[in-house]
Amino acid sequence: MTLVISAVLGCRKPDPRMYRAGSDALGLAPADCLFVDDDPDLVGAAIRLGYQGVTLVREPGAEPPAATPWITSLRELSQ
């Protein structure tokens, strides 16, 4: 397991170092990683950096983001 903690790293998303710290710690290329967040702007930043990404839309009836792929449950990732 890998944790990337902004206070330890000294930056916050969407700083590329946040995303890269996770993929580097896992020994994976960005394209082999999936970034999931409820903020479509942060998901979009990950996608622009070469990561796969989906926005988690938690609120029932909420408008899904137009700019990123989205899911309503983490269970959808196992399908």
N, C-alpha and C. Protein backbone atom coordinates (compact mmCIF):
# COMPACT_ATOMS: atom_id res chain seq x y z
N MET A 1 0.85 -1.17 0.00
CA MET A 1 0.00 0.00 0.00
C MET A 1 0.90 1.24 0.00
N THR A 2 0.42 2.26 -0.69
CA THR A 2 1.15 3.51 -0.78
C THR A 2 0.22 4.65 -0.39
N LEU A 3 0.71 5.52 0.47
CA LEU A 3 -0.02 6.73 0.83
C LEU A 3 0.79 7.93 0.38
N VAL A 4 0.13 8.87 -0.25
CA VAL A 4 0.77 10.13 -0.64
C VAL A 4 0.07 11.22 0.16
N ILE A 5 0.81 11.83 1.05
CA ILE A 5 0.23 12.81 1.97
C ILE A 5 0.78 14.19 1.62
N SER A 6 -0.12 15.09 1.29
CA SER A 6 0.29 16.41 0.81
C SER A 6 1.16 17.15 1.82
N ALA A 7 0.85 17.06 3.11
CA ALA A 7 1.64 17.76 4.11
C ALA A 7 3.07 17.24 4.18
N VAL A 8 3.25 15.97 3.91
CA VAL A 8 4.59 15.38 3.91
C VAL A 8 5.33 15.75 2.64
N LEU A 9 4.63 15.70 1.52
CA LEU A 9 5.24 15.97 0.22
C LEU A 9 5.48 17.47 0.00
N GLY A 10 4.67 18.30 0.64
CA GLY A 10 4.84 19.74 0.52
C GLY A 10 4.15 20.37 -0.67
N CYS A 11 3.14 19.69 -1.19
CA CYS A 11 2.35 20.23 -2.30
C CYS A 11 0.98 19.58 -2.27
N ARG A 12 0.07 20.11 -3.06
CA ARG A 12 -1.29 19.57 -3.13
C ARG A 12 -1.68 19.34 -4.57
N LYS A 13 -2.66 18.47 -4.78
CA LYS A 13 -3.20 18.29 -6.12
C LYS A 13 -3.79 19.63 -6.55
N PRO A 14 -3.62 20.03 -7.76
CA PRO A 14 -3.21 19.28 -8.94
C PRO A 14 -1.72 19.34 -9.26
N ASP A 15 -0.88 19.66 -8.30
CA ASP A 15 0.56 19.65 -8.54
C ASP A 15 0.97 18.27 -9.05
N PRO A 16 1.65 18.19 -10.19
CA PRO A 16 2.03 16.90 -10.76
C PRO A 16 2.83 16.02 -9.80
N ARG A 17 3.53 16.61 -8.85
CA ARG A 17 4.30 15.81 -7.90
C ARG A 17 3.42 14.91 -7.04
N MET A 18 2.20 15.34 -6.78
CA MET A 18 1.29 14.52 -5.99
C MET A 18 0.94 13.23 -6.72
N TYR A 19 0.62 13.35 -7.98
CA TYR A 19 0.25 12.18 -8.77
C TYR A 19 1.47 11.28 -8.98
N ARG A 20 2.57 11.90 -9.35
CA ARG A 20 3.79 11.15 -9.66
C ARG A 20 4.32 10.40 -8.43
N ALA A 21 4.19 10.98 -7.25
CA ALA A 21 4.66 10.31 -6.04
C ALA A 21 3.96 8.97 -5.85
N GLY A 22 2.67 8.94 -6.14
CA GLY A 22 1.92 7.69 -6.01
C GLY A 22 2.34 6.65 -7.03
N SER A 23 2.40 7.04 -8.29
CA SER A 23 2.78 6.06 -9.31
C SER A 23 4.23 5.62 -9.16
N ASP A 24 5.12 6.54 -8.78
CA ASP A 24 6.52 6.17 -8.57
C ASP A 24 6.65 5.19 -7.40
N ALA A 25 5.92 5.45 -6.32
CA ALA A 25 5.99 4.56 -5.16
C ALA A 25 5.49 3.15 -5.49
N LEU A 26 4.54 3.08 -6.40
CA LEU A 26 4.02 1.78 -6.82
C LEU A 26 4.87 1.13 -7.91
N GLY A 27 5.78 1.90 -8.47
CA GLY A 27 6.62 1.38 -9.55
C GLY A 27 5.85 1.21 -10.84
N LEU A 28 4.86 2.07 -11.06
CA LEU A 28 4.01 1.97 -12.25
C LEU A 28 4.11 3.22 -13.10
N ALA A 29 3.94 3.04 -14.39
CA ALA A 29 3.84 4.18 -15.29
C ALA A 29 2.49 4.84 -15.07
N PRO A 30 2.39 6.16 -15.29
CA PRO A 30 1.10 6.82 -15.13
C PRO A 30 -0.05 6.14 -15.88
N ALA A 31 0.21 5.67 -17.08
CA ALA A 31 -0.84 5.04 -17.88
C ALA A 31 -1.37 3.75 -17.25
N ASP A 32 -0.62 3.19 -16.32
CA ASP A 32 -1.03 1.96 -15.65
C ASP A 32 -1.75 2.22 -14.33
N CYS A 33 -2.01 3.49 -14.03
CA CYS A 33 -2.66 3.88 -12.78
C CYS A 33 -4.03 4.48 -13.06
N LEU A 34 -4.95 4.26 -12.14
CA LEU A 34 -6.28 4.86 -12.21
C LEU A 34 -6.44 5.82 -11.05
N PHE A 35 -6.69 7.08 -11.35
CA PHE A 35 -6.93 8.10 -10.33
C PHE A 35 -8.43 8.31 -10.20
N VAL A 36 -8.93 8.18 -8.98
CA VAL A 36 -10.36 8.36 -8.70
C VAL A 36 -10.50 9.49 -7.68
N ASP A 37 -11.38 10.43 -7.97
CA ASP A 37 -11.60 11.56 -7.05
C ASP A 37 -13.01 12.08 -7.30
N ASP A 38 -13.56 12.80 -6.32
CA ASP A 38 -14.88 13.39 -6.53
C ASP A 38 -14.80 14.79 -7.11
N ASP A 39 -13.60 15.26 -7.38
CA ASP A 39 -13.39 16.58 -7.99
C ASP A 39 -12.97 16.39 -9.46
N PRO A 40 -13.86 16.71 -10.40
CA PRO A 40 -13.52 16.49 -11.81
C PRO A 40 -12.32 17.30 -12.28
N ASP A 41 -12.04 18.43 -11.65
CA ASP A 41 -10.86 19.20 -12.04
C ASP A 41 -9.57 18.44 -11.71
N LEU A 42 -9.55 17.76 -10.58
CA LEU A 42 -8.37 16.98 -10.21
C LEU A 42 -8.24 15.72 -11.07
N VAL A 43 -9.37 15.14 -11.42
CA VAL A 43 -9.34 13.99 -12.33
C VAL A 43 -8.84 14.44 -13.70
N GLY A 44 -9.30 15.57 -14.17
CA GLY A 44 -8.83 16.11 -15.45
C GLY A 44 -7.34 16.37 -15.44
N ALA A 45 -6.82 16.88 -14.33
CA ALA A 45 -5.38 17.11 -14.22
C ALA A 45 -4.62 15.80 -14.32
N ALA A 46 -5.12 14.77 -13.67
CA ALA A 46 -4.46 13.46 -13.73
C ALA A 46 -4.47 12.92 -15.17
N ILE A 47 -5.58 13.06 -15.84
CA ILE A 47 -5.69 12.57 -17.23
C ILE A 47 -4.70 13.32 -18.12
N ARG A 48 -4.59 14.62 -17.94
CA ARG A 48 -3.63 15.40 -18.75
C ARG A 48 -2.19 14.99 -18.48
N LEU A 49 -1.93 14.44 -17.30
CA LEU A 49 -0.59 13.97 -16.96
C LEU A 49 -0.33 12.53 -17.43
N GLY A 50 -1.32 11.92 -18.06
CA GLY A 50 -1.14 10.58 -18.61
C GLY A 50 -1.73 9.45 -17.78
N TYR A 51 -2.42 9.79 -16.69
CA TYR A 51 -3.06 8.77 -15.85
C TYR A 51 -4.44 8.48 -16.40
N GLN A 52 -4.96 7.31 -16.08
CA GLN A 52 -6.36 7.04 -16.30
C GLN A 52 -7.11 7.72 -15.16
N GLY A 53 -8.32 8.16 -15.39
CA GLY A 53 -9.03 8.84 -14.32
C GLY A 53 -10.53 8.78 -14.48
N VAL A 54 -11.22 8.73 -13.34
CA VAL A 54 -12.68 8.79 -13.32
C VAL A 54 -13.10 9.64 -12.12
N THR A 55 -14.18 10.37 -12.33
CA THR A 55 -14.77 11.15 -11.25
C THR A 55 -15.83 10.32 -10.57
N LEU A 56 -15.78 10.28 -9.24
CA LEU A 56 -16.78 9.58 -8.45
C LEU A 56 -17.88 10.57 -8.08
N VAL A 57 -19.05 10.37 -8.64
CA VAL A 57 -20.21 11.23 -8.39
C VAL A 57 -21.00 10.58 -7.26
N ARG A 58 -20.88 11.14 -6.06
CA ARG A 58 -21.44 10.52 -4.85
C ARG A 58 -22.90 10.88 -4.59
N GLU A 59 -23.32 12.06 -4.99
CA GLU A 59 -24.65 12.52 -4.65
C GLU A 59 -25.69 12.00 -5.64
N PRO A 60 -26.73 11.32 -5.15
CA PRO A 60 -27.77 10.85 -6.06
C PRO A 60 -28.40 12.02 -6.82
N GLY A 61 -28.56 11.87 -8.10
CA GLY A 61 -29.17 12.90 -8.92
C GLY A 61 -28.25 14.04 -9.30
N ALA A 62 -27.01 14.00 -8.85
CA ALA A 62 -26.06 15.07 -9.19
C ALA A 62 -25.72 15.00 -10.67
N GLU A 63 -25.46 16.15 -11.23
CA GLU A 63 -25.09 16.24 -12.65
C GLU A 63 -23.67 15.68 -12.83
N PRO A 64 -23.51 14.65 -13.65
CA PRO A 64 -22.16 14.11 -13.87
C PRO A 64 -21.31 15.10 -14.68
N PRO A 65 -20.00 15.05 -14.48
CA PRO A 65 -19.13 15.97 -15.21
C PRO A 65 -19.09 15.63 -16.68
N ALA A 66 -19.02 16.66 -17.50
CA ALA A 66 -18.98 16.45 -18.95
C ALA A 66 -17.55 16.20 -19.43
N ALA A 67 -16.57 16.68 -18.67
CA ALA A 67 -15.18 16.65 -19.15
C ALA A 67 -14.40 15.41 -18.78
N THR A 68 -14.93 14.57 -17.89
CA THR A 68 -14.20 13.38 -17.46
C THR A 68 -15.13 12.18 -17.44
N PRO A 69 -14.56 10.98 -17.57
CA PRO A 69 -15.38 9.79 -17.33
C PRO A 69 -15.85 9.81 -15.87
N TRP A 70 -16.96 9.16 -15.58
CA TRP A 70 -17.47 9.20 -14.22
C TRP A 70 -18.14 7.88 -13.85
N ILE A 71 -18.20 7.66 -12.53
CA ILE A 71 -18.88 6.50 -11.95
C ILE A 71 -19.69 7.00 -10.76
N THR A 72 -20.63 6.19 -10.29
CA THR A 72 -21.41 6.55 -9.10
C THR A 72 -21.07 5.66 -7.91
N SER A 73 -20.27 4.62 -8.13
CA SER A 73 -19.90 3.71 -7.06
C SER A 73 -18.55 3.07 -7.40
N LEU A 74 -17.74 2.85 -6.38
CA LEU A 74 -16.47 2.17 -6.61
C LEU A 74 -16.67 0.74 -7.10
N ARG A 75 -17.85 0.19 -6.84
CA ARG A 75 -18.16 -1.17 -7.33
C ARG A 75 -18.09 -1.24 -8.87
N GLU A 76 -18.34 -0.12 -9.51
CA GLU A 76 -18.29 -0.08 -10.98
C GLU A 76 -16.90 -0.36 -11.52
N LEU A 77 -15.88 -0.17 -10.70
CA LEU A 77 -14.51 -0.39 -11.16
C LEU A 77 -14.19 -1.85 -11.34
N SER A 78 -14.93 -2.72 -10.67
CA SER A 78 -14.64 -4.15 -10.75
C SER A 78 -15.40 -4.84 -11.88
N GLN A 79 -16.16 -4.11 -12.64
CA GLN A 79 -16.97 -4.69 -13.72
C GLN A 79 -16.18 -4.76 -15.00
